[in-house]
Amino acid sequence: MSLDGLLFGTAGVPNSTVKKNNPVEGVKRIHELGLDCMQLEFAHGVRMKEEVSSALRKASYELGIPLTSHGPYYINLNAREQDKIDSSVERIIQTAKISDLCGAESMTFHAAFYMKDSPYDVFDLVEKSMNVIEERLSRLDIEIELRPELTGKTSQFGSLEELISLTKCVGSVKPCMDFSHLYARTGKYNTYEEMNEVLGQLKEELGANSLSNMHIHVSGISSNSKGDLKHLNLEKSKFNWKDMVRVLKDNNCSGYVISNSPNLEDDAIMLKEYYAAL
């Protein structure tokens, strides 16, 4: 994927879409709104018919609205039972298959919960599963970026450091950066300087390409000592979204910026307009 600059879109079909359950109508609505991309949400499972995926691919291509995707919430590569780990692997593969049919090039998911285990042990398990997934997708001839998400709760695998390490270990893995989650998880990284530090770390550890090919989530957020509680609209949150946009622009970042706020497209449009005005 080579993108020039940032593309702004929504996590799922925009709220103002007349047929809310129709992703093809969602892509058309994104285009009408002047937004740039859309993320397919498979949060409650992969249940898309193949004819829908081919119609989506066609609409995405014709309107110039690229797609990303988000896997089901029931993924935990550190589950207690092996069959639950196997099911999680299967869910990631199913998401990758349907995402590929839709023409999406980047898919994200929450990889695991610590379940009171040592983060080091959990990392090893996640890495092992990701290698299995990479090999199976390679056999299916599916090329898609697998992007574990930077998670907002301290009980979840997915810290900045973990994602950087995993990217170094598994060829098809790249991070999905969620700056609001990073703020909720750590209570830090909410100033221009701190966010600039994060981008500097990505560039130093993963190379310049890590900034020219990004998949970013953003929303307002409320949090406590255990991390994020719920997503809010950007204007109702303490998350410093303007500095985030400035720092991405100043570092010549390219990629997808997906609004995860409850008001989806309103915040996506606000982000895009602020970016364009800089």
Protein backbone atom coordinates (compact mmCIF):
# COMPACT_ATOMS: atom_id res chain seq x y z
CA MET A 1 0.00 0.00 0.00
CA SER A 2 1.43 3.39 -0.88
CA LEU A 3 -0.67 6.33 0.21
CA ASP A 4 0.21 9.98 -0.08
CA GLY A 5 -0.84 11.68 3.14
CA LEU A 6 -3.61 10.69 5.52
CA LEU A 7 -7.00 9.27 4.53
CA PHE A 8 -9.89 9.84 6.94
CA GLY A 9 -12.83 7.52 7.44
CA THR A 10 -15.15 5.74 9.85
CA ALA A 11 -15.13 2.52 11.86
CA GLY A 12 -18.11 0.96 10.14
CA VAL A 13 -20.95 2.36 8.05
CA PRO A 14 -21.48 6.11 8.75
CA ASN A 15 -24.38 6.88 11.10
CA SER A 16 -26.09 8.98 8.42
CA THR A 17 -26.26 6.07 5.95
CA VAL A 18 -29.94 5.33 5.15
CA LYS A 19 -29.43 1.54 5.06
CA LYS A 20 -27.27 1.18 8.16
CA ASN A 21 -26.58 -2.54 7.75
CA ASN A 22 -25.39 -2.19 4.17
CA PRO A 23 -21.62 -1.69 3.81
CA VAL A 24 -21.94 -0.95 0.06
CA GLU A 25 -24.28 1.96 0.92
CA GLY A 26 -21.76 2.91 3.61
CA VAL A 27 -18.97 3.27 1.02
CA LYS A 28 -21.26 5.42 -1.14
CA ARG A 29 -22.11 7.60 1.89
CA ILE A 30 -18.39 8.00 2.72
CA HIS A 31 -17.90 9.26 -0.84
CA GLU A 32 -20.86 11.68 -0.55
CA LEU A 33 -19.48 13.07 2.71
CA GLY A 34 -16.10 13.80 1.10
CA LEU A 35 -14.33 11.28 3.35
CA ASP A 36 -11.60 8.95 2.07
CA CYS A 37 -11.88 5.40 3.43
CA MET A 38 -14.03 3.05 5.52
CA GLN A 39 -13.31 0.28 7.99
CA LEU A 40 -15.43 -2.89 7.82
CA GLU A 41 -16.46 -3.96 11.31
CA PHE A 42 -16.68 -7.71 11.89
CA ALA A 43 -16.95 -7.16 15.64
CA HIS A 44 -19.66 -9.79 16.19
CA GLY A 45 -18.36 -12.33 13.72
CA VAL A 46 -17.62 -12.76 10.02
CA ARG A 47 -21.00 -13.17 8.40
CA MET A 48 -20.70 -11.49 5.04
CA LYS A 49 -21.95 -13.22 1.89
CA GLU A 50 -19.50 -13.47 -1.01
CA GLU A 51 -21.79 -11.48 -3.34
CA VAL A 52 -21.72 -8.61 -0.80
CA SER A 53 -17.92 -8.73 -0.67
CA SER A 54 -17.62 -8.54 -4.47
CA ALA A 55 -20.11 -5.62 -4.62
CA LEU A 56 -18.07 -3.91 -1.89
CA ARG A 57 -14.83 -4.42 -3.76
CA LYS A 58 -16.40 -2.94 -6.90
CA ALA A 59 -17.86 0.12 -5.07
CA SER A 60 -14.59 0.69 -3.23
CA TYR A 61 -12.61 0.57 -6.49
CA GLU A 62 -15.03 2.68 -8.56
CA LEU A 63 -15.44 5.42 -5.93
CA GLY A 64 -11.78 5.37 -4.86
CA ILE A 65 -12.64 4.59 -1.23
CA PRO A 66 -10.13 2.03 0.13
CA LEU A 67 -11.20 -0.33 2.91
CA THR A 68 -9.67 -1.60 6.13
CA SER A 69 -11.24 -4.12 8.51
CA HIS A 70 -11.59 -4.98 12.20
CA GLY A 71 -11.85 -8.59 13.41
CA PRO A 72 -14.30 -10.03 15.96
CA TYR A 73 -14.14 -9.11 19.65
CA TYR A 74 -14.07 -12.79 20.65
CA ILE A 75 -10.38 -13.17 19.86
CA ASN A 76 -8.00 -14.17 22.66
CA LEU A 77 -4.73 -15.80 21.64
CA ASN A 78 -4.02 -16.36 25.35
CA ALA A 79 -7.24 -18.22 26.19
CA ARG A 80 -7.12 -20.89 28.90
CA GLU A 81 -8.27 -23.69 26.58
CA GLN A 82 -6.38 -24.62 23.43
CA ASP A 83 -9.61 -24.95 21.44
CA LYS A 84 -10.43 -21.30 22.25
CA ILE A 85 -6.99 -20.26 20.97
CA ASP A 86 -7.63 -22.33 17.83
CA SER A 87 -11.01 -20.61 17.40
CA SER A 88 -9.32 -17.21 17.75
CA VAL A 89 -6.77 -18.14 15.08
CA GLU A 90 -9.67 -19.27 12.88
CA ARG A 91 -11.53 -15.97 13.41
CA ILE A 92 -8.46 -13.97 12.35
CA ILE A 93 -8.08 -16.14 9.23
CA GLN A 94 -11.80 -15.83 8.37
CA THR A 95 -11.56 -12.02 8.78
CA ALA A 96 -8.48 -11.96 6.55
CA LYS A 97 -10.22 -14.05 3.88
CA ILE A 98 -13.34 -11.88 3.69
CA SER A 99 -11.27 -8.66 3.96
CA ASP A 100 -9.17 -9.85 1.03
CA LEU A 101 -12.32 -10.59 -1.01
CA CYS A 102 -13.51 -7.02 -0.27
CA GLY A 103 -10.16 -5.62 -1.38
CA ALA A 104 -9.05 -4.44 2.09
CA GLU A 105 -5.26 -4.32 2.55
CA SER A 106 -5.06 -3.83 6.31
CA MET A 107 -6.97 -5.57 9.11
CA THR A 108 -6.84 -4.99 12.84
CA PHE A 109 -7.99 -6.93 15.91
CA HIS A 110 -7.47 -7.13 19.68
CA ALA A 111 -4.98 -9.97 20.02
CA ALA A 112 -5.20 -11.21 23.62
CA PHE A 113 -5.88 -10.67 27.30
CA TYR A 114 -3.15 -11.25 29.90
CA MET A 115 -5.52 -13.29 32.16
CA LYS A 116 -3.09 -12.64 35.07
CA ASP A 117 -0.24 -14.30 33.12
CA SER A 118 3.17 -12.74 32.66
CA PRO A 119 3.20 -10.37 29.65
CA TYR A 120 6.35 -12.21 28.45
CA ASP A 121 4.53 -15.56 28.35
CA VAL A 122 1.55 -13.97 26.61
CA PHE A 123 3.86 -12.39 24.04
CA ASP A 124 5.34 -15.81 23.20
CA LEU A 125 1.88 -17.32 22.73
CA VAL A 126 0.69 -14.43 20.54
CA GLU A 127 3.85 -14.60 18.44
CA LYS A 128 3.40 -18.35 17.97
CA SER A 129 -0.20 -17.91 16.81
CA MET A 130 0.70 -15.03 14.50
CA ASN A 131 3.33 -17.20 12.81
CA VAL A 132 0.73 -19.94 12.28
CA ILE A 133 -1.73 -17.38 10.84
CA GLU A 134 0.93 -15.91 8.55
CA GLU A 135 1.84 -19.36 7.21
CA ARG A 136 -1.79 -20.36 6.61
CA LEU A 137 -2.64 -17.09 4.83
CA SER A 138 0.48 -17.50 2.70
CA ARG A 139 -0.75 -20.96 1.64
CA LEU A 140 -4.11 -19.40 0.72
CA ASP A 141 -2.22 -16.73 -1.26
CA ILE A 142 -3.77 -13.94 0.83
CA GLU A 143 -1.61 -10.88 1.29
CA ILE A 144 -2.99 -8.62 3.99
CA GLU A 145 -1.35 -6.58 6.73
CA LEU A 146 -2.17 -8.10 10.12
CA ARG A 147 -2.37 -5.27 12.62
CA PRO A 148 -2.87 -6.07 16.29
CA GLU A 149 -4.35 -2.96 17.86
CA LEU A 150 -2.74 -0.78 20.51
CA THR A 151 -5.28 -1.54 23.24
CA GLY A 152 -6.73 0.78 25.86
CA LYS A 153 -7.00 -1.50 28.90
CA THR A 154 -4.06 -2.59 31.04
CA SER A 155 -5.60 -6.11 31.11
CA GLN A 156 -5.12 -6.44 27.32
CA PHE A 157 -2.07 -7.42 25.33
CA GLY A 158 -1.18 -4.56 22.99
CA SER A 159 1.16 -2.01 24.54
CA LEU A 160 3.29 0.11 22.22
CA GLU A 161 6.39 -1.93 23.10
CA GLU A 162 4.63 -5.25 22.53
CA LEU A 163 3.41 -4.20 19.10
CA ILE A 164 6.87 -2.98 18.08
CA SER A 165 8.45 -6.28 19.20
CA LEU A 166 5.77 -8.36 17.47
CA THR A 167 6.28 -6.41 14.23
CA LYS A 168 9.98 -7.25 14.38
CA CYS A 169 9.23 -10.96 14.91
CA VAL A 170 6.45 -11.63 12.36
CA GLY A 171 6.78 -10.47 8.77
CA SER A 172 3.15 -9.66 7.98
CA VAL A 173 2.47 -7.89 11.30
CA LYS A 174 2.39 -4.10 11.67
CA PRO A 175 0.90 -2.05 14.51
CA CYS A 176 -2.54 -0.48 14.46
CA MET A 177 -1.85 2.74 16.34
CA ASP A 178 -4.63 4.00 18.59
CA PHE A 179 -3.41 7.23 20.17
CA SER A 180 -6.53 7.59 22.33
CA HIS A 181 -5.98 4.07 23.68
CA LEU A 182 -2.30 4.85 24.34
CA TYR A 183 -3.38 7.87 26.39
CA ALA A 184 -6.03 5.84 28.28
CA ARG A 185 -3.64 2.94 28.90
CA THR A 186 -0.73 5.02 30.20
CA GLY A 187 -2.20 8.37 31.30
CA LYS A 188 0.55 9.92 29.14
CA TYR A 189 1.25 10.64 25.47
CA ASN A 190 -1.29 13.45 25.25
CA THR A 191 1.01 16.30 24.21
CA TYR A 192 2.65 17.14 20.90
CA GLU A 193 6.10 16.34 22.32
CA GLU A 194 5.05 12.95 23.72
CA MET A 195 3.26 11.91 20.52
CA ASN A 196 6.26 13.04 18.50
CA GLU A 197 8.39 10.79 20.73
CA VAL A 198 6.10 7.82 19.86
CA LEU A 199 6.47 8.43 16.12
CA GLY A 200 10.24 8.78 16.59
CA GLN A 201 10.29 5.41 18.37
CA LEU A 202 8.31 3.76 15.54
CA LYS A 203 10.66 5.22 12.94
CA GLU A 204 13.81 4.24 14.82
CA GLU A 205 12.70 0.68 15.64
CA LEU A 206 10.63 -0.21 12.57
CA GLY A 207 12.04 2.06 9.85
CA ALA A 208 10.70 5.10 7.98
CA ASN A 209 8.12 2.94 6.20
CA SER A 210 6.27 2.55 9.52
CA LEU A 211 5.21 6.22 9.22
CA SER A 212 4.38 6.12 5.51
CA ASN A 213 2.01 3.16 5.90
CA MET A 214 -0.09 3.61 9.04
CA HIS A 215 -3.44 2.30 10.26
CA ILE A 216 -4.63 4.64 13.02
CA HIS A 217 -7.69 4.59 15.26
CA VAL A 218 -8.85 7.69 17.11
CA SER A 219 -11.77 8.73 19.28
CA GLY A 220 -12.50 10.71 22.38
CA ILE A 221 -12.06 8.56 25.47
CA SER A 222 -12.79 8.35 29.18
CA SER A 223 -10.51 6.28 31.40
CA ASN A 224 -9.50 5.28 34.92
CA SER A 225 -6.44 3.57 36.41
CA LYS A 226 -7.21 0.36 34.45
CA GLY A 227 -7.40 2.13 31.11
CA ASP A 228 -10.22 3.05 28.81
CA LEU A 229 -13.84 2.99 29.96
CA LYS A 230 -15.69 4.14 26.86
CA HIS A 231 -15.32 6.05 23.62
CA LEU A 232 -16.57 9.64 23.51
CA ASN A 233 -16.86 12.27 20.80
CA LEU A 234 -13.53 14.09 20.46
CA GLU A 235 -14.85 17.44 21.71
CA LYS A 236 -16.15 15.83 24.93
CA SER A 237 -12.83 14.24 25.83
CA LYS A 238 -9.49 15.31 27.27
CA PHE A 239 -7.68 13.53 24.46
CA ASN A 240 -5.58 16.08 22.56
CA TRP A 241 -6.63 15.23 19.01
CA LYS A 242 -5.38 18.49 17.48
CA ASP A 243 -1.81 17.78 18.59
CA MET A 244 -2.15 14.23 17.24
CA VAL A 245 -3.15 15.55 13.79
CA ARG A 246 -0.36 18.16 13.87
CA VAL A 247 2.29 15.62 14.81
CA LEU A 248 1.15 13.23 12.06
CA LYS A 249 1.27 16.04 9.52
CA ASP A 250 4.68 17.33 10.70
CA ASN A 251 6.13 13.82 10.39
CA ASN A 252 4.71 13.40 6.84
CA CYS A 253 2.73 10.35 7.96
CA SER A 254 0.56 8.50 5.44
CA GLY A 255 -2.15 5.93 5.97
CA TYR A 256 -5.67 5.47 7.29
CA VAL A 257 -7.13 7.49 10.17
CA ILE A 258 -10.30 5.74 11.36
CA SER A 259 -12.75 7.60 13.60
CA ASN A 260 -14.06 5.38 16.39
CA SER A 261 -16.08 8.10 18.13
CA PRO A 262 -19.82 7.52 18.68
CA ASN A 263 -20.55 10.28 16.14
CA LEU A 264 -18.30 8.46 13.59
CA GLU A 265 -18.41 10.68 10.49
CA ASP A 266 -18.73 14.00 12.36
CA ASP A 267 -15.37 13.47 14.05
CA ALA A 268 -13.85 12.02 10.86
CA ILE A 269 -14.85 15.18 8.97
CA MET A 270 -13.55 17.39 11.80
CA LEU A 271 -10.20 15.56 11.74
CA LYS A 272 -9.95 15.81 7.96
CA GLU A 273 -10.79 19.52 7.92
CA TYR A 274 -8.27 20.29 10.67
CA TYR A 275 -5.58 18.32 8.80
CA ALA A 276 -6.35 20.15 5.54
CA ALA A 277 -6.16 23.54 7.29
CA LEU A 278 -2.66 22.94 8.71
